[in-house]
Amino acid sequence: DMPPNFCRGNINNDHPEIPNWPVNTIPEEF
């Protein structure tokens, strides 16, 4: 279910408070 950008910058207009929808925070360690 993961796109090549790892959902970076994805926006769900129903949940604008969640970045990189639906992954949420992309860990810096990753």
All heavy atoms as atom14 arrays in JSON, in Angstrom:
{
  "sequence": "DMPPNFCRGNINNDHPEIPNWPVNTIPEEF",
  "atom14_mask": [
    [1, 1, 1, 1, 1, 1, 1, 1, 0, 0, 0, 0, 0, 0],
    [1, 1, 1, 1, 1, 1, 1, 1, 0, 0, 0, 0, 0, 0],
    [1, 1, 1, 1, 1, 1, 1, 0, 0, 0, 0, 0, 0, 0],
    [1, 1, 1, 1, 1, 1, 1, 0, 0, 0, 0, 0, 0, 0],
    [1, 1, 1, 1, 1, 1, 1, 1, 0, 0, 0, 0, 0, 0],
    [1, 1, 1, 1, 1, 1, 1, 1, 1, 1, 1, 0, 0, 0],
    [1, 1, 1, 1, 1, 1, 0, 0, 0, 0, 0, 0, 0, 0],
    [1, 1, 1, 1, 1, 1, 1, 1, 1, 1, 1, 0, 0, 0],
    [1, 1, 1, 1, 0, 0, 0, 0, 0, 0, 0, 0, 0, 0],
    [1, 1, 1, 1, 1, 1, 1, 1, 0, 0, 0, 0, 0, 0],
    [1, 1, 1, 1, 1, 1, 1, 1, 0, 0, 0, 0, 0, 0],
    [1, 1, 1, 1, 1, 1, 1, 1, 0, 0, 0, 0, 0, 0],
    [1, 1, 1, 1, 1, 1, 1, 1, 0, 0, 0, 0, 0, 0],
    [1, 1, 1, 1, 1, 1, 1, 1, 0, 0, 0, 0, 0, 0],
    [1, 1, 1, 1, 1, 1, 1, 1, 1, 1, 0, 0, 0, 0],
    [1, 1, 1, 1, 1, 1, 1, 0, 0, 0, 0, 0, 0, 0],
    [1, 1, 1, 1, 1, 1, 1, 1, 1, 0, 0, 0, 0, 0],
    [1, 1, 1, 1, 1, 1, 1, 1, 0, 0, 0, 0, 0, 0],
    [1, 1, 1, 1, 1, 1, 1, 0, 0, 0, 0, 0, 0, 0],
    [1, 1, 1, 1, 1, 1, 1, 1, 0, 0, 0, 0, 0, 0],
    [1, 1, 1, 1, 1, 1, 1, 1, 1, 1, 1, 1, 1, 1],
    [1, 1, 1, 1, 1, 1, 1, 0, 0, 0, 0, 0, 0, 0],
    [1, 1, 1, 1, 1, 1, 1, 0, 0, 0, 0, 0, 0, 0],
    [1, 1, 1, 1, 1, 1, 1, 1, 0, 0, 0, 0, 0, 0],
    [1, 1, 1, 1, 1, 1, 1, 0, 0, 0, 0, 0, 0, 0],
    [1, 1, 1, 1, 1, 1, 1, 1, 0, 0, 0, 0, 0, 0],
    [1, 1, 1, 1, 1, 1, 1, 0, 0, 0, 0, 0, 0, 0],
    [1, 1, 1, 1, 1, 1, 1, 1, 1, 0, 0, 0, 0, 0],
    [1, 1, 1, 1, 1, 1, 1, 1, 1, 0, 0, 0, 0, 0],
    [1, 1, 1, 1, 1, 1, 1, 1, 1, 1, 1, 0, 0, 0]
  ],
  "atom14_positions": [
    [[0.82, -1.24, 0.0], [0.0, 0.0, 0.0], [0.84, 1.27, 0.0], [0.29, 2.36, 0.18], [-0.95, 0.06, 1.21], [-1.87, -1.13, 1.3], [-2.46, -1.48, 0.28], [-2.0, -1.71, 2.39], [0.0, 0.0, 0.0], [0.0, 0.0, 0.0], [0.0, 0.0, 0.0], [0.0, 0.0, 0.0], [0.0, 0.0, 0.0], [0.0, 0.0, 0.0]],
    [[2.14, 1.16, -0.16], [3.01, 2.31, -0.01], [3.46, 2.85, -1.38], [4.02, 2.1, -2.18], [4.24, 1.94, 0.82], [5.09, 3.12, 1.24], [4.27, 4.22, 2.45], [4.36, 3.21, 3.94], [0.0, 0.0, 0.0], [0.0, 0.0, 0.0], [0.0, 0.0, 0.0], [0.0, 0.0, 0.0], [0.0, 0.0, 0.0], [0.0, 0.0, 0.0]],
    [[3.24, 4.15, -1.63], [3.7, 4.74, -2.89], [5.21, 5.01, -2.84], [5.83, 4.93, -1.77], [2.91, 6.05, -2.96], [2.66, 6.42, -1.54], [2.49, 5.11, -0.81], [0.0, 0.0, 0.0], [0.0, 0.0, 0.0], [0.0, 0.0, 0.0], [0.0, 0.0, 0.0], [0.0, 0.0, 0.0], [0.0, 0.0, 0.0], [0.0, 0.0, 0.0]],
    [[5.81, 5.35, -3.98], [7.27, 5.52, -4.02], [7.78, 6.7, -3.19], [8.96, 6.72, -2.84], [7.57, 5.72, -5.51], [6.29, 6.12, -6.12], [5.21, 5.46, -5.32], [0.0, 0.0, 0.0], [0.0, 0.0, 0.0], [0.0, 0.0, 0.0], [0.0, 0.0, 0.0], [0.0, 0.0, 0.0], [0.0, 0.0, 0.0], [0.0, 0.0, 0.0]],
    [[6.92, 7.69, -2.87], [7.36, 8.81, -2.03], [7.09, 8.56, -0.55], [7.26, 9.45, 0.28], [6.68, 10.11, -2.46], [5.18, 10.11, -2.21], [4.59, 9.07, -1.92], [4.56, 11.28, -2.33], [0.0, 0.0, 0.0], [0.0, 0.0, 0.0], [0.0, 0.0, 0.0], [0.0, 0.0, 0.0], [0.0, 0.0, 0.0], [0.0, 0.0, 0.0]],
    [[6.67, 7.33, -0.21], [6.35, 6.96, 1.17], [5.32, 7.91, 1.78], [5.36, 8.21, 2.97], [7.62, 6.89, 2.02], [8.57, 5.81, 1.57], [9.63, 6.12, 0.72], [8.38, 4.49, 1.94], [10.49, 5.12, 0.26], [9.24, 3.49, 1.49], [10.3, 3.81, 0.65], [0.0, 0.0, 0.0], [0.0, 0.0, 0.0], [0.0, 0.0, 0.0]],
    [[4.41, 8.4, 0.94], [3.29, 9.28, 1.33], [3.74, 10.68, 1.74], [2.95, 11.46, 2.29], [2.45, 8.65, 2.45], [1.62, 7.12, 1.96], [0.0, 0.0, 0.0], [0.0, 0.0, 0.0], [0.0, 0.0, 0.0], [0.0, 0.0, 0.0], [0.0, 0.0, 0.0], [0.0, 0.0, 0.0], [0.0, 0.0, 0.0], [0.0, 0.0, 0.0]],
    [[4.97, 11.03, 1.45], [5.49, 12.33, 1.82], [4.69, 13.45, 1.13], [4.58, 13.48, -0.09], [6.96, 12.45, 1.43], [7.71, 13.61, 2.09], [9.15, 13.62, 1.62], [9.78, 12.33, 1.82], [10.35, 11.95, 2.96], [10.37, 12.77, 3.98], [10.91, 10.76, 3.06], [0.0, 0.0, 0.0], [0.0, 0.0, 0.0], [0.0, 0.0, 0.0]],
    [[4.1, 14.34, 1.92], [3.34, 15.46, 1.39], [1.9, 15.15, 1.04], [1.17, 16.04, 0.6], [0.0, 0.0, 0.0], [0.0, 0.0, 0.0], [0.0, 0.0, 0.0], [0.0, 0.0, 0.0], [0.0, 0.0, 0.0], [0.0, 0.0, 0.0], [0.0, 0.0, 0.0], [0.0, 0.0, 0.0], [0.0, 0.0, 0.0], [0.0, 0.0, 0.0]],
    [[1.47, 13.89, 1.21], [0.08, 13.56, 0.91], [-0.88, 14.3, 1.84], [-0.63, 14.41, 3.05], [-0.16, 12.05, 1.07], [0.42, 11.24, -0.07], [1.12, 11.77, -0.93], [0.14, 9.95, -0.09], [0.0, 0.0, 0.0], [0.0, 0.0, 0.0], [0.0, 0.0, 0.0], [0.0, 0.0, 0.0], [0.0, 0.0, 0.0], [0.0, 0.0, 0.0]],
    [[-1.97, 14.8, 1.28], [-2.97, 15.55, 2.05], [-4.34, 14.91, 1.88], [-4.76, 14.62, 0.76], [-3.04, 17.02, 1.59], [-1.69, 17.72, 1.85], [-4.16, 17.77, 2.3], [-1.62, 19.12, 1.26], [0.0, 0.0, 0.0], [0.0, 0.0, 0.0], [0.0, 0.0, 0.0], [0.0, 0.0, 0.0], [0.0, 0.0, 0.0], [0.0, 0.0, 0.0]],
    [[-5.0, 14.66, 2.99], [-6.39, 14.22, 2.98], [-7.22, 15.39, 3.5], [-7.1, 15.78, 4.67], [-6.57, 12.99, 3.88], [-7.99, 12.44, 3.87], [-8.95, 13.17, 3.66], [-8.12, 11.14, 4.1], [0.0, 0.0, 0.0], [0.0, 0.0, 0.0], [0.0, 0.0, 0.0], [0.0, 0.0, 0.0], [0.0, 0.0, 0.0], [0.0, 0.0, 0.0]],
    [[-8.06, 15.95, 2.65], [-8.82, 17.15, 3.03], [-9.77, 16.9, 4.19], [-10.18, 17.84, 4.87], [-9.59, 17.69, 1.82], [-8.67, 18.28, 0.77], [-7.6, 18.83, 1.11], [-9.03, 18.17, -0.49], [0.0, 0.0, 0.0], [0.0, 0.0, 0.0], [0.0, 0.0, 0.0], [0.0, 0.0, 0.0], [0.0, 0.0, 0.0], [0.0, 0.0, 0.0]],
    [[-10.13, 15.64, 4.42], [-10.99, 15.32, 5.56], [-10.21, 15.27, 6.87], [-10.8, 15.33, 7.95], [-11.7, 13.98, 5.35], [-12.71, 14.03, 4.22], [-13.28, 15.12, 4.0], [-12.91, 13.0, 3.55], [0.0, 0.0, 0.0], [0.0, 0.0, 0.0], [0.0, 0.0, 0.0], [0.0, 0.0, 0.0], [0.0, 0.0, 0.0], [0.0, 0.0, 0.0]],
    [[-8.89, 15.12, 6.76], [-8.03, 15.06, 7.95], [-6.78, 15.9, 7.72], [-5.65, 15.38, 7.7], [-7.65, 13.61, 8.27], [-8.81, 12.76, 8.64], [-9.38, 12.76, 9.9], [-9.54, 11.86, 7.9], [-10.38, 11.91, 9.93], [-10.52, 11.37, 8.73], [0.0, 0.0, 0.0], [0.0, 0.0, 0.0], [0.0, 0.0, 0.0], [0.0, 0.0, 0.0]],
    [[-6.93, 17.2, 7.54], [-5.77, 18.05, 7.24], [-4.76, 18.1, 8.38], [-3.62, 18.51, 8.16], [-6.4, 19.42, 6.97], [-7.69, 19.39, 7.72], [-8.18, 17.98, 7.64], [0.0, 0.0, 0.0], [0.0, 0.0, 0.0], [0.0, 0.0, 0.0], [0.0, 0.0, 0.0], [0.0, 0.0, 0.0], [0.0, 0.0, 0.0], [0.0, 0.0, 0.0]],
    [[-5.17, 17.7, 9.56], [-4.27, 17.73, 10.71], [-3.23, 16.61, 10.68], [-2.25, 16.64, 11.45], [-5.07, 17.64, 12.02], [-5.63, 16.28, 12.38], [-6.89, 15.87, 11.59], [-7.32, 16.64, 10.7], [-7.42, 14.78, 11.87], [0.0, 0.0, 0.0], [0.0, 0.0, 0.0], [0.0, 0.0, 0.0], [0.0, 0.0, 0.0], [0.0, 0.0, 0.0]],
    [[-3.42, 15.62, 9.8], [-2.51, 14.47, 9.73], [-1.59, 14.66, 8.53], [-2.03, 14.61, 7.38], [-3.28, 13.14, 9.61], [-4.16, 12.95, 10.85], [-2.31, 11.97, 9.45], [-5.02, 11.7, 10.8], [0.0, 0.0, 0.0], [0.0, 0.0, 0.0], [0.0, 0.0, 0.0], [0.0, 0.0, 0.0], [0.0, 0.0, 0.0], [0.0, 0.0, 0.0]],
    [[-0.3, 14.89, 8.76], [0.63, 15.07, 7.64], [0.94, 13.74, 6.96], [0.81, 12.66, 7.57], [1.88, 15.64, 8.31], [1.85, 15.07, 9.7], [0.38, 14.98, 10.07], [0.0, 0.0, 0.0], [0.0, 0.0, 0.0], [0.0, 0.0, 0.0], [0.0, 0.0, 0.0], [0.0, 0.0, 0.0], [0.0, 0.0, 0.0], [0.0, 0.0, 0.0]],
    [[1.35, 13.82, 5.71], [1.8, 12.63, 4.97], [0.76, 11.5, 5.05], [1.08, 10.36, 5.35], [3.15, 12.14, 5.53], [4.15, 13.25, 5.67], [4.42, 13.98, 4.72], [4.7, 13.41, 6.86], [0.0, 0.0, 0.0], [0.0, 0.0, 0.0], [0.0, 0.0, 0.0], [0.0, 0.0, 0.0], [0.0, 0.0, 0.0], [0.0, 0.0, 0.0]],
    [[-0.49, 11.87, 4.8], [-1.6, 10.91, 4.93], [-1.35, 9.65, 4.1], [-0.93, 9.73, 2.96], [-2.9, 11.57, 4.48], [-4.07, 10.63, 4.49], [-4.52, 9.86, 3.45], [-4.91, 10.33, 5.6], [-5.59, 9.11, 3.83], [-5.86, 9.37, 5.16], [-4.97, 10.78, 6.92], [-6.85, 8.86, 5.99], [-5.95, 10.27, 7.75], [-6.87, 9.33, 7.28]],
    [[-1.64, 8.45, 4.69], [-2.05, 8.15, 6.06], [-0.9, 7.73, 6.96], [-1.12, 7.2, 8.04], [-3.01, 7.0, 5.85], [-2.4, 6.24, 4.71], [-1.78, 7.27, 3.81], [0.0, 0.0, 0.0], [0.0, 0.0, 0.0], [0.0, 0.0, 0.0], [0.0, 0.0, 0.0], [0.0, 0.0, 0.0], [0.0, 0.0, 0.0], [0.0, 0.0, 0.0]],
    [[0.34, 7.97, 6.53], [1.5, 7.54, 7.3], [1.7, 8.37, 8.56], [2.14, 7.88, 9.59], [2.77, 7.59, 6.41], [4.03, 7.51, 7.23], [2.73, 6.45, 5.39], [0.0, 0.0, 0.0], [0.0, 0.0, 0.0], [0.0, 0.0, 0.0], [0.0, 0.0, 0.0], [0.0, 0.0, 0.0], [0.0, 0.0, 0.0], [0.0, 0.0, 0.0]],
    [[1.34, 9.65, 8.48], [1.59, 10.61, 9.55], [3.1, 10.93, 9.55], [3.71, 11.04, 8.51], [1.1, 10.09, 10.9], [0.77, 11.21, 11.88], [1.41, 12.27, 11.87], [-0.23, 11.01, 12.71], [0.0, 0.0, 0.0], [0.0, 0.0, 0.0], [0.0, 0.0, 0.0], [0.0, 0.0, 0.0], [0.0, 0.0, 0.0], [0.0, 0.0, 0.0]],
    [[3.7, 11.08, 10.7], [5.1, 11.5, 10.76], [6.03, 10.48, 10.12], [5.93, 9.27, 10.39], [5.52, 11.7, 12.23], [4.68, 12.67, 12.83], [6.97, 12.14, 12.33], [0.0, 0.0, 0.0], [0.0, 0.0, 0.0], [0.0, 0.0, 0.0], [0.0, 0.0, 0.0], [0.0, 0.0, 0.0], [0.0, 0.0, 0.0], [0.0, 0.0, 0.0]],
    [[6.89, 10.96, 9.24], [7.93, 10.1, 8.66], [9.16, 10.22, 9.56], [9.74, 11.3, 9.7], [8.26, 10.51, 7.22], [7.01, 10.32, 6.34], [9.44, 9.71, 6.68], [7.18, 10.8, 4.91], [0.0, 0.0, 0.0], [0.0, 0.0, 0.0], [0.0, 0.0, 0.0], [0.0, 0.0, 0.0], [0.0, 0.0, 0.0], [0.0, 0.0, 0.0]],
    [[9.57, 9.12, 10.2], [10.67, 9.21, 11.16], [11.97, 9.7, 10.52], [12.34, 9.25, 9.43], [10.81, 7.77, 11.69], [9.53, 7.1, 11.34], [9.03, 7.75, 10.09], [0.0, 0.0, 0.0], [0.0, 0.0, 0.0], [0.0, 0.0, 0.0], [0.0, 0.0, 0.0], [0.0, 0.0, 0.0], [0.0, 0.0, 0.0], [0.0, 0.0, 0.0]],
    [[12.64, 10.58, 11.19], [13.94, 11.07, 10.71], [14.92, 9.91, 10.59], [15.75, 9.88, 9.68], [14.48, 12.13, 11.66], [15.94, 12.53, 11.43], [16.18, 13.08, 10.01], [15.24, 13.64, 9.4], [17.32, 12.95, 9.53], [0.0, 0.0, 0.0], [0.0, 0.0, 0.0], [0.0, 0.0, 0.0], [0.0, 0.0, 0.0], [0.0, 0.0, 0.0]],
    [[14.83, 8.94, 11.5], [15.74, 7.8, 11.44], [15.54, 6.98, 10.16], [16.48, 6.4, 9.63], [15.54, 6.9, 12.66], [15.84, 7.58, 13.99], [14.59, 8.2, 14.61], [13.66, 8.57, 13.84], [14.55, 8.3, 15.84], [0.0, 0.0, 0.0], [0.0, 0.0, 0.0], [0.0, 0.0, 0.0], [0.0, 0.0, 0.0], [0.0, 0.0, 0.0]],
    [[14.29, 6.94, 9.68], [14.01, 6.25, 8.42], [14.68, 6.99, 7.26], [15.36, 6.37, 6.43], [12.5, 6.15, 8.19], [12.12, 5.58, 6.86], [12.14, 4.21, 6.64], [11.77, 6.42, 5.8], [11.8, 3.68, 5.41], [11.42, 5.9, 4.57], [11.44, 4.53, 4.38], [0.0, 0.0, 0.0], [0.0, 0.0, 0.0], [0.0, 0.0, 0.0]]
  ]
}
